[in-house]
């Protein structure tokens, strides 16, 4: 749970991230990936604690929307203006650690801004699979790269046409991800001490 000073906890990984970015800019060389990941994803980890504690949930949707727009604008500006050290333009999110942080924040705050209406809509229609997938967040995150890797490999071999390959890739990645979610997602129920569920 949060300490007495809400907001101070997330300042620690953010300060570390700022130090890593400064090091990269001043030293002219990329820091170890472990340092980048620890500070970048550490900030989102702390935000997850804020969410579980209820602190983020107390923010108004309008406030979260402003935060999402601000992060998106800053992330886009960073991606368009700031270039990686090797001189190549930023053409993907991972090319800029700062853009990665900001765009990730934009998605997070945007999702939180609409979480209330989406939850009420799903509950009104008894869409059990929405809650089921919400309880499989870590499983989806862990198996997402594997599903993409399988889909890319199969699509390249079976579909030489790029447009068709993209469609097959998306569909296959979704199927692989859902299969692995059903097969292994029960581990999240066990960790959270919930009744085990294999399907919605």
N, C-alpha and C. Protein backbone atom coordinates (compact mmCIF):
# COMPACT_ATOMS: atom_id res chain seq x y z
N UNK A 1 0.84 -1.21 0.00
CA UNK A 1 0.00 0.00 0.00
C UNK A 1 0.86 1.25 0.00
N UNK A 2 0.23 2.37 -0.31
CA UNK A 2 0.95 3.62 -0.40
C UNK A 2 1.34 4.14 0.98
N UNK A 3 2.42 4.90 1.00
CA UNK A 3 2.84 5.53 2.25
C UNK A 3 2.08 6.82 2.47
N UNK A 4 2.61 7.66 3.34
CA UNK A 4 1.92 8.91 3.68
C UNK A 4 1.91 9.88 2.52
N UNK A 5 2.93 9.84 1.68
CA UNK A 5 3.05 10.84 0.61
C UNK A 5 2.80 10.19 -0.75
N UNK A 6 1.53 10.18 -1.14
CA UNK A 6 1.18 9.62 -2.44
C UNK A 6 1.84 10.43 -3.54
N UNK A 7 2.52 9.78 -4.41
CA UNK A 7 3.23 10.46 -5.47
C UNK A 7 4.73 10.39 -5.31
N UNK A 8 5.18 10.27 -4.05
CA UNK A 8 6.61 10.20 -3.81
C UNK A 8 7.20 8.88 -4.29
N UNK A 9 6.40 7.80 -4.18
CA UNK A 9 6.90 6.49 -4.56
C UNK A 9 7.26 6.41 -6.04
N UNK A 10 6.41 6.98 -6.89
CA UNK A 10 6.67 6.91 -8.33
C UNK A 10 7.79 7.86 -8.73
N UNK A 11 8.09 8.84 -7.88
CA UNK A 11 9.16 9.78 -8.20
C UNK A 11 10.53 9.10 -8.22
N UNK A 12 10.68 8.02 -7.44
CA UNK A 12 11.97 7.33 -7.37
C UNK A 12 12.34 6.69 -8.70
N UNK A 13 11.48 5.82 -9.30
CA UNK A 13 11.85 5.27 -10.61
C UNK A 13 11.90 6.33 -11.70
N UNK A 14 11.06 7.37 -11.61
CA UNK A 14 11.10 8.42 -12.62
C UNK A 14 12.40 9.20 -12.54
N UNK A 15 12.89 9.44 -11.33
CA UNK A 15 14.18 10.12 -11.18
C UNK A 15 15.30 9.25 -11.73
N UNK A 16 15.21 7.95 -11.49
CA UNK A 16 16.19 7.04 -12.05
C UNK A 16 16.14 7.02 -13.56
N UNK A 17 14.93 7.07 -14.11
CA UNK A 17 14.78 7.10 -15.56
C UNK A 17 15.38 8.37 -16.15
N UNK A 18 15.14 9.50 -15.49
CA UNK A 18 15.71 10.77 -15.95
C UNK A 18 17.24 10.71 -15.94
N UNK A 19 17.79 10.06 -14.91
CA UNK A 19 19.25 9.93 -14.83
C UNK A 19 19.78 9.06 -15.97
N UNK A 20 19.05 7.99 -16.30
CA UNK A 20 19.46 7.11 -17.39
C UNK A 20 19.44 7.85 -18.73
N UNK A 21 18.37 8.62 -18.96
CA UNK A 21 18.26 9.38 -20.21
C UNK A 21 19.35 10.44 -20.29
N UNK A 22 19.62 11.11 -19.16
CA UNK A 22 20.69 12.11 -19.14
C UNK A 22 22.04 11.47 -19.44
N UNK A 23 22.27 10.32 -18.85
CA UNK A 23 23.51 9.58 -19.11
C UNK A 23 23.64 9.28 -20.60
N UNK A 24 22.54 8.83 -21.20
CA UNK A 24 22.56 8.49 -22.62
C UNK A 24 22.89 9.70 -23.49
N UNK A 25 22.31 10.84 -23.14
CA UNK A 25 22.52 12.05 -23.93
C UNK A 25 23.92 12.64 -23.72
N UNK A 26 24.39 12.64 -22.48
CA UNK A 26 25.67 13.28 -22.17
C UNK A 26 26.86 12.38 -22.50
N UNK A 27 26.72 11.10 -22.22
CA UNK A 27 27.85 10.18 -22.45
C UNK A 27 27.95 9.74 -23.91
N UNK A 28 26.84 9.88 -24.64
CA UNK A 28 26.87 9.49 -26.05
C UNK A 28 26.84 8.00 -26.27
N UNK A 29 26.45 7.25 -25.26
CA UNK A 29 26.34 5.80 -25.39
C UNK A 29 25.13 5.32 -24.62
N UNK A 30 24.53 4.25 -25.11
CA UNK A 30 23.32 3.74 -24.48
C UNK A 30 23.67 3.01 -23.18
N UNK A 31 22.93 3.26 -22.10
CA UNK A 31 23.16 2.53 -20.85
C UNK A 31 22.70 1.09 -20.98
N UNK A 32 23.00 0.29 -20.01
CA UNK A 32 22.58 -1.11 -20.03
C UNK A 32 21.06 -1.19 -20.07
N UNK A 33 20.57 -2.15 -20.85
CA UNK A 33 19.12 -2.28 -21.01
C UNK A 33 18.43 -2.58 -19.68
N UNK A 34 19.14 -3.26 -18.79
CA UNK A 34 18.54 -3.57 -17.49
C UNK A 34 18.20 -2.30 -16.72
N UNK A 35 19.06 -1.29 -16.79
CA UNK A 35 18.80 -0.03 -16.09
C UNK A 35 17.60 0.69 -16.70
N UNK A 36 17.54 0.68 -18.03
CA UNK A 36 16.41 1.32 -18.70
C UNK A 36 15.10 0.65 -18.30
N UNK A 37 15.07 -0.67 -18.38
CA UNK A 37 13.84 -1.41 -18.09
C UNK A 37 13.44 -1.27 -16.62
N UNK A 38 14.43 -1.30 -15.71
CA UNK A 38 14.12 -1.21 -14.29
C UNK A 38 13.47 0.12 -13.94
N UNK A 39 13.96 1.20 -14.54
CA UNK A 39 13.40 2.52 -14.22
C UNK A 39 12.13 2.79 -15.01
N UNK A 40 12.11 2.41 -16.29
CA UNK A 40 10.94 2.66 -17.13
C UNK A 40 9.73 1.87 -16.64
N UNK A 41 9.89 0.55 -16.55
CA UNK A 41 8.76 -0.29 -16.14
C UNK A 41 8.54 -0.22 -14.64
N UNK A 42 9.57 0.20 -13.89
CA UNK A 42 9.39 0.39 -12.46
C UNK A 42 8.36 1.47 -12.17
N UNK A 43 8.35 2.52 -13.00
CA UNK A 43 7.36 3.59 -12.82
C UNK A 43 5.95 3.06 -13.01
N UNK A 44 5.75 2.23 -14.03
CA UNK A 44 4.42 1.67 -14.27
C UNK A 44 4.04 0.65 -13.20
N UNK A 45 5.05 -0.04 -12.67
CA UNK A 45 4.78 -0.98 -11.58
C UNK A 45 4.23 -0.23 -10.37
N UNK A 46 4.84 0.91 -10.05
CA UNK A 46 4.35 1.71 -8.91
C UNK A 46 2.96 2.25 -9.21
N UNK A 47 2.71 2.66 -10.46
CA UNK A 47 1.37 3.13 -10.82
C UNK A 47 0.34 2.02 -10.65
N UNK A 48 0.77 0.77 -10.88
CA UNK A 48 -0.13 -0.35 -10.63
C UNK A 48 -0.50 -0.46 -9.15
N UNK A 49 0.47 -0.18 -8.28
CA UNK A 49 0.18 -0.16 -6.84
C UNK A 49 -0.79 0.97 -6.52
N UNK A 50 -0.60 2.12 -7.18
CA UNK A 50 -1.53 3.23 -6.98
C UNK A 50 -2.95 2.83 -7.38
N UNK A 51 -3.04 2.08 -8.46
CA UNK A 51 -4.37 1.65 -8.93
C UNK A 51 -5.01 0.69 -7.93
N UNK A 52 -4.24 -0.29 -7.47
CA UNK A 52 -4.78 -1.25 -6.51
C UNK A 52 -5.15 -0.57 -5.20
N UNK A 53 -4.40 0.45 -4.81
CA UNK A 53 -4.68 1.16 -3.58
C UNK A 53 -5.91 2.05 -3.69
N UNK A 54 -6.29 2.38 -4.92
CA UNK A 54 -7.45 3.22 -5.14
C UNK A 54 -7.13 4.68 -5.41
N UNK A 55 -5.85 5.03 -5.33
CA UNK A 55 -5.46 6.43 -5.51
C UNK A 55 -5.75 6.90 -6.93
N UNK A 56 -5.40 6.11 -7.92
CA UNK A 56 -5.69 6.50 -9.31
C UNK A 56 -7.18 6.51 -9.59
N UNK A 57 -7.90 5.60 -8.95
CA UNK A 57 -9.33 5.53 -9.17
C UNK A 57 -10.08 6.75 -8.65
N UNK A 58 -9.46 7.50 -7.76
CA UNK A 58 -10.11 8.69 -7.23
C UNK A 58 -9.95 9.91 -8.14
N UNK A 59 -9.10 9.80 -9.15
CA UNK A 59 -8.95 10.91 -10.10
C UNK A 59 -10.15 10.96 -11.04
N UNK A 60 -10.58 12.15 -11.37
CA UNK A 60 -11.71 12.33 -12.27
C UNK A 60 -11.33 11.92 -13.69
N UNK A 61 -12.34 11.49 -14.45
CA UNK A 61 -12.10 11.09 -15.83
C UNK A 61 -11.53 12.24 -16.65
N UNK A 62 -11.99 13.47 -16.36
CA UNK A 62 -11.48 14.63 -17.09
C UNK A 62 -9.99 14.85 -16.80
N UNK A 63 -9.59 14.64 -15.54
CA UNK A 63 -8.18 14.79 -15.19
C UNK A 63 -7.33 13.74 -15.89
N UNK A 64 -7.81 12.50 -15.90
CA UNK A 64 -7.09 11.42 -16.56
C UNK A 64 -7.00 11.67 -18.07
N UNK A 65 -8.06 12.24 -18.64
CA UNK A 65 -8.05 12.54 -20.07
C UNK A 65 -6.99 13.58 -20.40
N UNK A 66 -6.93 14.62 -19.57
CA UNK A 66 -5.90 15.66 -19.78
C UNK A 66 -4.50 15.06 -19.66
N UNK A 67 -4.31 14.19 -18.68
CA UNK A 67 -3.01 13.54 -18.51
C UNK A 67 -2.66 12.68 -19.71
N UNK A 68 -3.66 11.97 -20.26
CA UNK A 68 -3.43 11.12 -21.43
C UNK A 68 -3.05 11.95 -22.65
N UNK A 69 -3.79 13.04 -22.86
CA UNK A 69 -3.51 13.90 -24.01
C UNK A 69 -2.13 14.54 -23.89
N UNK A 70 -1.79 14.98 -22.67
CA UNK A 70 -0.48 15.60 -22.45
C UNK A 70 0.65 14.61 -22.72
N UNK A 71 0.51 13.39 -22.23
CA UNK A 71 1.53 12.37 -22.46
C UNK A 71 1.63 12.02 -23.94
N UNK A 72 0.48 11.91 -24.61
CA UNK A 72 0.50 11.58 -26.04
C UNK A 72 1.17 12.68 -26.85
N UNK A 73 0.86 13.94 -26.52
CA UNK A 73 1.46 15.06 -27.25
C UNK A 73 2.96 15.11 -27.01
N UNK A 74 3.37 14.95 -25.75
CA UNK A 74 4.79 14.99 -25.43
C UNK A 74 5.54 13.81 -26.04
N UNK A 75 4.91 12.63 -26.03
CA UNK A 75 5.54 11.46 -26.62
C UNK A 75 5.69 11.58 -28.12
N UNK A 76 4.65 12.12 -28.78
CA UNK A 76 4.72 12.32 -30.23
C UNK A 76 5.78 13.35 -30.58
N UNK A 77 5.83 14.42 -29.82
CA UNK A 77 6.84 15.45 -30.05
C UNK A 77 8.25 14.87 -29.87
N UNK A 78 8.41 14.06 -28.84
CA UNK A 78 9.71 13.43 -28.61
C UNK A 78 10.11 12.53 -29.76
N UNK A 79 9.15 11.73 -30.24
CA UNK A 79 9.46 10.81 -31.34
C UNK A 79 9.79 11.55 -32.63
N UNK A 80 9.18 12.73 -32.82
CA UNK A 80 9.41 13.47 -34.06
C UNK A 80 10.65 14.34 -34.00
N UNK A 81 11.00 14.81 -32.83
CA UNK A 81 12.09 15.78 -32.69
C UNK A 81 13.40 15.13 -32.25
N UNK A 82 13.31 14.25 -31.25
CA UNK A 82 14.53 13.66 -30.68
C UNK A 82 14.91 12.41 -31.46
N UNK A 83 16.16 12.30 -31.81
CA UNK A 83 16.66 11.15 -32.54
C UNK A 83 17.53 10.30 -31.64
N UNK A 84 17.57 8.98 -31.88
CA UNK A 84 18.48 8.12 -31.13
C UNK A 84 19.93 8.51 -31.37
N UNK A 85 20.82 7.99 -30.53
CA UNK A 85 22.22 8.37 -30.59
C UNK A 85 22.86 7.98 -31.91
N UNK A 86 22.41 6.87 -32.53
CA UNK A 86 23.04 6.43 -33.77
C UNK A 86 22.63 7.28 -34.97
N UNK A 87 21.80 8.28 -34.76
CA UNK A 87 21.44 9.21 -35.83
C UNK A 87 20.24 8.79 -36.66
N UNK A 88 19.71 7.60 -36.40
CA UNK A 88 18.55 7.14 -37.17
C UNK A 88 17.29 7.82 -36.63
N UNK A 89 16.36 8.16 -37.50
CA UNK A 89 15.12 8.79 -37.04
C UNK A 89 14.29 7.82 -36.22
N UNK A 90 13.49 8.36 -35.33
CA UNK A 90 12.64 7.53 -34.49
C UNK A 90 11.45 7.06 -35.32
N UNK A 91 11.44 5.80 -35.69
CA UNK A 91 10.33 5.27 -36.49
C UNK A 91 9.59 4.15 -35.76
N UNK A 92 9.96 3.89 -34.52
CA UNK A 92 9.23 2.94 -33.70
C UNK A 92 9.39 3.35 -32.24
N UNK A 93 8.47 2.91 -31.43
CA UNK A 93 8.40 3.38 -30.04
C UNK A 93 9.66 3.05 -29.25
N UNK A 94 10.22 1.87 -29.49
CA UNK A 94 11.36 1.44 -28.70
C UNK A 94 12.64 2.20 -29.05
N UNK A 95 12.61 2.98 -30.10
CA UNK A 95 13.81 3.74 -30.47
C UNK A 95 14.08 4.89 -29.52
N UNK A 96 13.07 5.32 -28.78
CA UNK A 96 13.23 6.42 -27.83
C UNK A 96 12.68 6.00 -26.49
N UNK A 97 13.52 5.94 -25.47
CA UNK A 97 13.05 5.57 -24.14
C UNK A 97 12.03 6.57 -23.61
N UNK A 98 12.28 7.84 -23.88
CA UNK A 98 11.36 8.87 -23.39
C UNK A 98 9.99 8.76 -24.05
N UNK A 99 9.99 8.56 -25.38
CA UNK A 99 8.71 8.38 -26.08
C UNK A 99 8.00 7.13 -25.59
N UNK A 100 8.76 6.09 -25.30
CA UNK A 100 8.18 4.85 -24.78
C UNK A 100 7.45 5.11 -23.47
N UNK A 101 8.09 5.84 -22.57
CA UNK A 101 7.48 6.17 -21.29
C UNK A 101 6.21 7.01 -21.47
N UNK A 102 6.30 8.04 -22.29
CA UNK A 102 5.18 8.97 -22.45
C UNK A 102 3.99 8.34 -23.16
N UNK A 103 4.25 7.61 -24.24
CA UNK A 103 3.15 6.97 -24.96
C UNK A 103 2.53 5.87 -24.11
N UNK A 104 3.36 5.16 -23.35
CA UNK A 104 2.81 4.17 -22.41
C UNK A 104 1.91 4.83 -21.38
N UNK A 105 2.34 5.98 -20.87
CA UNK A 105 1.51 6.72 -19.93
C UNK A 105 0.21 7.19 -20.55
N UNK A 106 0.28 7.60 -21.83
CA UNK A 106 -0.93 8.05 -22.52
C UNK A 106 -1.96 6.93 -22.61
N UNK A 107 -1.51 5.74 -22.99
CA UNK A 107 -2.43 4.60 -23.08
C UNK A 107 -3.00 4.26 -21.71
N UNK A 108 -2.16 4.30 -20.68
CA UNK A 108 -2.61 3.95 -19.34
C UNK A 108 -3.68 4.93 -18.85
N UNK A 109 -3.41 6.23 -18.96
CA UNK A 109 -4.37 7.21 -18.46
C UNK A 109 -5.64 7.24 -19.30
N UNK A 110 -5.52 6.99 -20.61
CA UNK A 110 -6.70 6.93 -21.46
C UNK A 110 -7.58 5.74 -21.07
N UNK A 111 -6.95 4.60 -20.80
CA UNK A 111 -7.71 3.42 -20.38
C UNK A 111 -8.42 3.66 -19.05
N UNK A 112 -7.73 4.31 -18.13
CA UNK A 112 -8.34 4.60 -16.83
C UNK A 112 -9.47 5.61 -16.96
N UNK A 113 -9.35 6.53 -17.92
CA UNK A 113 -10.39 7.54 -18.10
C UNK A 113 -11.71 6.93 -18.54
N UNK A 114 -11.64 5.85 -19.32
CA UNK A 114 -12.88 5.23 -19.82
C UNK A 114 -13.22 3.95 -19.06
N UNK A 115 -12.42 3.62 -18.04
CA UNK A 115 -12.63 2.36 -17.32
C UNK A 115 -14.02 2.29 -16.69
N UNK A 116 -14.48 3.38 -16.09
CA UNK A 116 -15.79 3.38 -15.44
C UNK A 116 -16.93 3.08 -16.40
N UNK A 117 -17.08 3.85 -17.49
CA UNK A 117 -18.14 3.56 -18.45
C UNK A 117 -18.05 2.17 -19.06
N UNK A 118 -16.85 1.72 -19.38
CA UNK A 118 -16.67 0.39 -19.96
C UNK A 118 -17.09 -0.69 -18.97
N UNK A 119 -16.72 -0.51 -17.71
CA UNK A 119 -17.09 -1.49 -16.69
C UNK A 119 -18.61 -1.55 -16.52
N UNK A 120 -19.25 -0.40 -16.47
CA UNK A 120 -20.71 -0.38 -16.32
C UNK A 120 -21.39 -0.98 -17.54
N UNK A 121 -20.86 -0.70 -18.72
CA UNK A 121 -21.43 -1.25 -19.95
C UNK A 121 -21.32 -2.77 -19.97
N UNK A 122 -20.16 -3.28 -19.57
CA UNK A 122 -19.95 -4.73 -19.56
C UNK A 122 -20.82 -5.41 -18.51
N UNK A 123 -20.95 -4.78 -17.33
CA UNK A 123 -21.76 -5.37 -16.28
C UNK A 123 -23.23 -5.37 -16.65
N UNK A 124 -23.68 -4.32 -17.32
CA UNK A 124 -25.09 -4.25 -17.71
C UNK A 124 -25.45 -5.34 -18.72
N UNK A 125 -24.49 -5.72 -19.53
CA UNK A 125 -24.73 -6.75 -20.55
C UNK A 125 -24.20 -8.11 -20.15
N UNK A 126 -23.70 -8.19 -18.92
CA UNK A 126 -23.20 -9.44 -18.37
C UNK A 126 -22.14 -10.06 -19.29
N UNK A 127 -21.21 -9.25 -19.71
CA UNK A 127 -20.14 -9.73 -20.58
C UNK A 127 -19.02 -10.28 -19.69
N UNK A 128 -19.15 -11.52 -19.33
CA UNK A 128 -18.21 -12.12 -18.40
C UNK A 128 -16.78 -12.18 -18.92
N UNK A 129 -16.64 -12.27 -20.25
CA UNK A 129 -15.29 -12.39 -20.79
C UNK A 129 -14.46 -11.13 -20.57
N UNK A 130 -15.12 -9.96 -20.39
CA UNK A 130 -14.37 -8.72 -20.13
C UNK A 130 -13.65 -8.83 -18.79
N UNK A 131 -14.39 -9.24 -17.76
CA UNK A 131 -13.76 -9.43 -16.46
C UNK A 131 -12.75 -10.55 -16.48
N UNK A 132 -13.02 -11.60 -17.25
CA UNK A 132 -12.10 -12.73 -17.36
C UNK A 132 -10.76 -12.28 -17.93
N UNK A 133 -10.80 -11.50 -19.03
CA UNK A 133 -9.56 -11.03 -19.64
C UNK A 133 -8.85 -10.02 -18.75
N UNK A 134 -9.62 -9.24 -18.00
CA UNK A 134 -9.00 -8.30 -17.07
C UNK A 134 -8.19 -9.05 -16.01
N UNK A 135 -8.68 -10.21 -15.60
CA UNK A 135 -7.96 -11.02 -14.61
C UNK A 135 -6.82 -11.81 -15.23
N UNK A 136 -6.60 -11.64 -16.53
CA UNK A 136 -5.51 -12.33 -17.23
C UNK A 136 -4.49 -11.34 -17.77
N UNK A 137 -4.38 -10.18 -17.15
CA UNK A 137 -3.50 -9.13 -17.65
C UNK A 137 -2.05 -9.59 -17.76
N UNK A 138 -1.53 -10.20 -16.71
CA UNK A 138 -0.13 -10.63 -16.72
C UNK A 138 0.09 -11.75 -17.74
N UNK A 139 -0.88 -12.65 -17.85
CA UNK A 139 -0.76 -13.74 -18.82
C UNK A 139 -0.70 -13.19 -20.23
N UNK A 140 -1.57 -12.25 -20.54
CA UNK A 140 -1.57 -11.64 -21.87
C UNK A 140 -0.25 -10.93 -22.15
N UNK A 141 0.28 -10.26 -21.13
CA UNK A 141 1.54 -9.54 -21.30
C UNK A 141 2.69 -10.52 -21.54
N UNK A 142 2.72 -11.60 -20.77
CA UNK A 142 3.83 -12.55 -20.87
C UNK A 142 3.82 -13.33 -22.18
N UNK A 143 2.64 -13.72 -22.64
CA UNK A 143 2.55 -14.55 -23.84
C UNK A 143 2.40 -13.74 -25.12
N UNK A 144 2.19 -12.43 -25.01
CA UNK A 144 2.04 -11.60 -26.21
C UNK A 144 3.22 -11.70 -27.16
N UNK A 145 4.46 -11.50 -26.69
CA UNK A 145 5.62 -11.61 -27.59
C UNK A 145 5.75 -12.99 -28.23
N UNK A 146 5.46 -14.05 -27.45
CA UNK A 146 5.55 -15.40 -28.01
C UNK A 146 4.51 -15.61 -29.10
N UNK A 147 3.30 -15.11 -28.86
CA UNK A 147 2.25 -15.23 -29.88
C UNK A 147 2.63 -14.48 -31.15
N UNK A 148 3.20 -13.31 -30.99
CA UNK A 148 3.64 -12.53 -32.16
C UNK A 148 4.75 -13.26 -32.91
N UNK A 149 5.69 -13.86 -32.17
CA UNK A 149 6.80 -14.56 -32.82
C UNK A 149 6.30 -15.74 -33.64
N UNK A 150 5.38 -16.50 -33.08
CA UNK A 150 4.81 -17.64 -33.81
C UNK A 150 4.07 -17.16 -35.04
N UNK A 151 3.26 -16.12 -34.86
CA UNK A 151 2.46 -15.60 -35.98
C UNK A 151 3.35 -15.08 -37.10
N UNK A 152 4.40 -14.35 -36.77
CA UNK A 152 5.30 -13.79 -37.79
C UNK A 152 5.99 -14.90 -38.57
N UNK A 153 6.47 -15.92 -37.85
CA UNK A 153 7.17 -17.03 -38.50
C UNK A 153 6.26 -17.76 -39.47
N UNK A 154 5.04 -18.07 -39.03
CA UNK A 154 4.10 -18.80 -39.88
C UNK A 154 3.65 -17.95 -41.06
N UNK A 155 3.35 -16.66 -40.80
CA UNK A 155 2.86 -15.78 -41.86
C UNK A 155 3.91 -15.59 -42.95
N UNK A 156 5.16 -15.47 -42.59
CA UNK A 156 6.22 -15.28 -43.58
C UNK A 156 6.39 -16.50 -44.46
N UNK A 157 6.20 -17.68 -43.89
CA UNK A 157 6.40 -18.90 -44.67
C UNK A 157 5.20 -19.23 -45.56
N UNK A 158 4.01 -18.92 -45.07
CA UNK A 158 2.81 -19.31 -45.81
C UNK A 158 2.27 -18.23 -46.73
N UNK A 159 2.53 -16.97 -46.41
CA UNK A 159 1.92 -15.87 -47.15
C UNK A 159 2.99 -14.91 -47.64
N UNK A 160 3.47 -15.07 -48.87
CA UNK A 160 4.49 -14.15 -49.38
C UNK A 160 3.95 -12.74 -49.61
N UNK A 161 2.65 -12.62 -49.86
CA UNK A 161 2.06 -11.30 -50.06
C UNK A 161 1.97 -10.58 -48.71
N UNK A 162 2.52 -9.37 -48.65
CA UNK A 162 2.63 -8.68 -47.36
C UNK A 162 1.28 -8.34 -46.77
N UNK A 163 0.35 -7.84 -47.58
CA UNK A 163 -0.96 -7.46 -47.05
C UNK A 163 -1.69 -8.66 -46.47
N UNK A 164 -1.66 -9.77 -47.20
CA UNK A 164 -2.32 -10.98 -46.71
C UNK A 164 -1.61 -11.50 -45.47
N UNK A 165 -0.29 -11.39 -45.46
CA UNK A 165 0.48 -11.88 -44.31
C UNK A 165 0.12 -11.11 -43.04
N UNK A 166 -0.12 -9.82 -43.16
CA UNK A 166 -0.49 -9.02 -41.99
C UNK A 166 -1.81 -9.48 -41.41
N UNK A 167 -2.79 -9.75 -42.29
CA UNK A 167 -4.09 -10.21 -41.82
C UNK A 167 -3.97 -11.58 -41.14
N UNK A 168 -3.21 -12.48 -41.75
CA UNK A 168 -3.00 -13.79 -41.15
C UNK A 168 -2.26 -13.66 -39.84
N UNK A 169 -1.27 -12.78 -39.80
CA UNK A 169 -0.46 -12.56 -38.61
C UNK A 169 -1.33 -12.14 -37.43
N UNK A 170 -2.19 -11.16 -37.67
CA UNK A 170 -3.04 -10.65 -36.59
C UNK A 170 -3.98 -11.74 -36.07
N UNK A 171 -4.60 -12.46 -37.01
CA UNK A 171 -5.53 -13.51 -36.61
C UNK A 171 -4.85 -14.64 -35.87
N UNK A 172 -3.68 -15.06 -36.38
CA UNK A 172 -2.96 -16.16 -35.75
C UNK A 172 -2.42 -15.75 -34.38
N UNK A 173 -1.91 -14.53 -34.27
CA UNK A 173 -1.42 -14.05 -32.98
C UNK A 173 -2.54 -14.06 -31.95
N UNK A 174 -3.72 -13.65 -32.35
CA UNK A 174 -4.86 -13.63 -31.44
C UNK A 174 -5.22 -15.04 -30.99
N UNK A 175 -5.25 -15.98 -31.94
CA UNK A 175 -5.60 -17.36 -31.60
C UNK A 175 -4.58 -17.96 -30.64
N UNK A 176 -3.29 -17.79 -30.95
CA UNK A 176 -2.24 -18.33 -30.08
C UNK A 176 -2.33 -17.72 -28.69
N UNK A 177 -2.55 -16.42 -28.63
CA UNK A 177 -2.61 -15.74 -27.34
C UNK A 177 -3.80 -16.22 -26.52
N UNK A 178 -4.96 -16.42 -27.16
CA UNK A 178 -6.13 -16.90 -26.43
C UNK A 178 -5.94 -18.33 -25.93
N UNK A 179 -5.31 -19.17 -26.76
CA UNK A 179 -5.06 -20.56 -26.35
C UNK A 179 -4.15 -20.58 -25.12
N UNK A 180 -3.07 -19.80 -25.15
CA UNK A 180 -2.14 -19.78 -24.03
C UNK A 180 -2.78 -19.14 -22.79
N UNK A 181 -3.68 -18.19 -23.01
CA UNK A 181 -4.36 -17.56 -21.88
C UNK A 181 -5.26 -18.56 -21.16
N UNK A 182 -5.98 -19.36 -21.93
CA UNK A 182 -6.84 -20.39 -21.34
C UNK A 182 -6.00 -21.48 -20.68
N UNK A 183 -4.88 -21.83 -21.33
CA UNK A 183 -4.06 -22.94 -20.84
C UNK A 183 -3.27 -22.59 -19.58
N UNK A 184 -2.82 -21.35 -19.47
CA UNK A 184 -1.93 -20.99 -18.35
C UNK A 184 -2.46 -19.88 -17.45
N UNK A 185 -3.54 -19.21 -17.87
CA UNK A 185 -4.02 -18.05 -17.12
C UNK A 185 -4.53 -18.37 -15.73
N UNK A 186 -4.89 -19.65 -15.49
CA UNK A 186 -5.39 -20.01 -14.16
C UNK A 186 -4.35 -19.72 -13.08
N UNK A 187 -3.08 -19.60 -13.47
CA UNK A 187 -2.05 -19.29 -12.49
C UNK A 187 -2.28 -17.96 -11.81
N UNK A 188 -2.90 -17.02 -12.53
CA UNK A 188 -3.21 -15.72 -11.92
C UNK A 188 -4.29 -15.87 -10.86
N UNK A 189 -5.26 -16.75 -11.11
CA UNK A 189 -6.29 -17.00 -10.10
C UNK A 189 -5.66 -17.59 -8.84
N UNK A 190 -4.74 -18.53 -9.06
CA UNK A 190 -4.07 -19.17 -7.92
C UNK A 190 -3.26 -18.15 -7.13
N UNK A 191 -2.53 -17.27 -7.84
CA UNK A 191 -1.71 -16.27 -7.17
C UNK A 191 -2.56 -15.27 -6.40
N UNK A 192 -3.74 -14.93 -6.95
CA UNK A 192 -4.62 -13.96 -6.31
C UNK A 192 -5.59 -14.61 -5.33
N UNK A 193 -5.47 -15.94 -5.17
CA UNK A 193 -6.35 -16.69 -4.26
C UNK A 193 -7.81 -16.54 -4.65
N UNK A 194 -8.05 -16.57 -5.98
CA UNK A 194 -9.42 -16.57 -6.48
C UNK A 194 -9.80 -17.99 -6.88
N UNK A 195 -11.09 -18.28 -7.03
CA UNK A 195 -11.49 -19.57 -7.58
C UNK A 195 -10.92 -19.75 -8.99
N UNK A 196 -10.40 -20.91 -9.29
CA UNK A 196 -9.78 -21.14 -10.58
C UNK A 196 -10.81 -21.14 -11.70
N UNK A 197 -10.50 -20.43 -12.78
CA UNK A 197 -11.38 -20.37 -13.96
C UNK A 197 -10.55 -20.65 -15.20
N UNK A 198 -11.01 -21.60 -16.02
CA UNK A 198 -10.32 -21.90 -17.27
C UNK A 198 -10.90 -21.12 -18.44
N UNK A 199 -12.19 -20.86 -18.41
CA UNK A 199 -12.86 -20.12 -19.50
C UNK A 199 -13.76 -19.06 -18.88
N UNK A 200 -14.16 -18.04 -19.67
CA UNK A 200 -15.06 -17.00 -19.14
C UNK A 200 -16.36 -17.57 -18.63
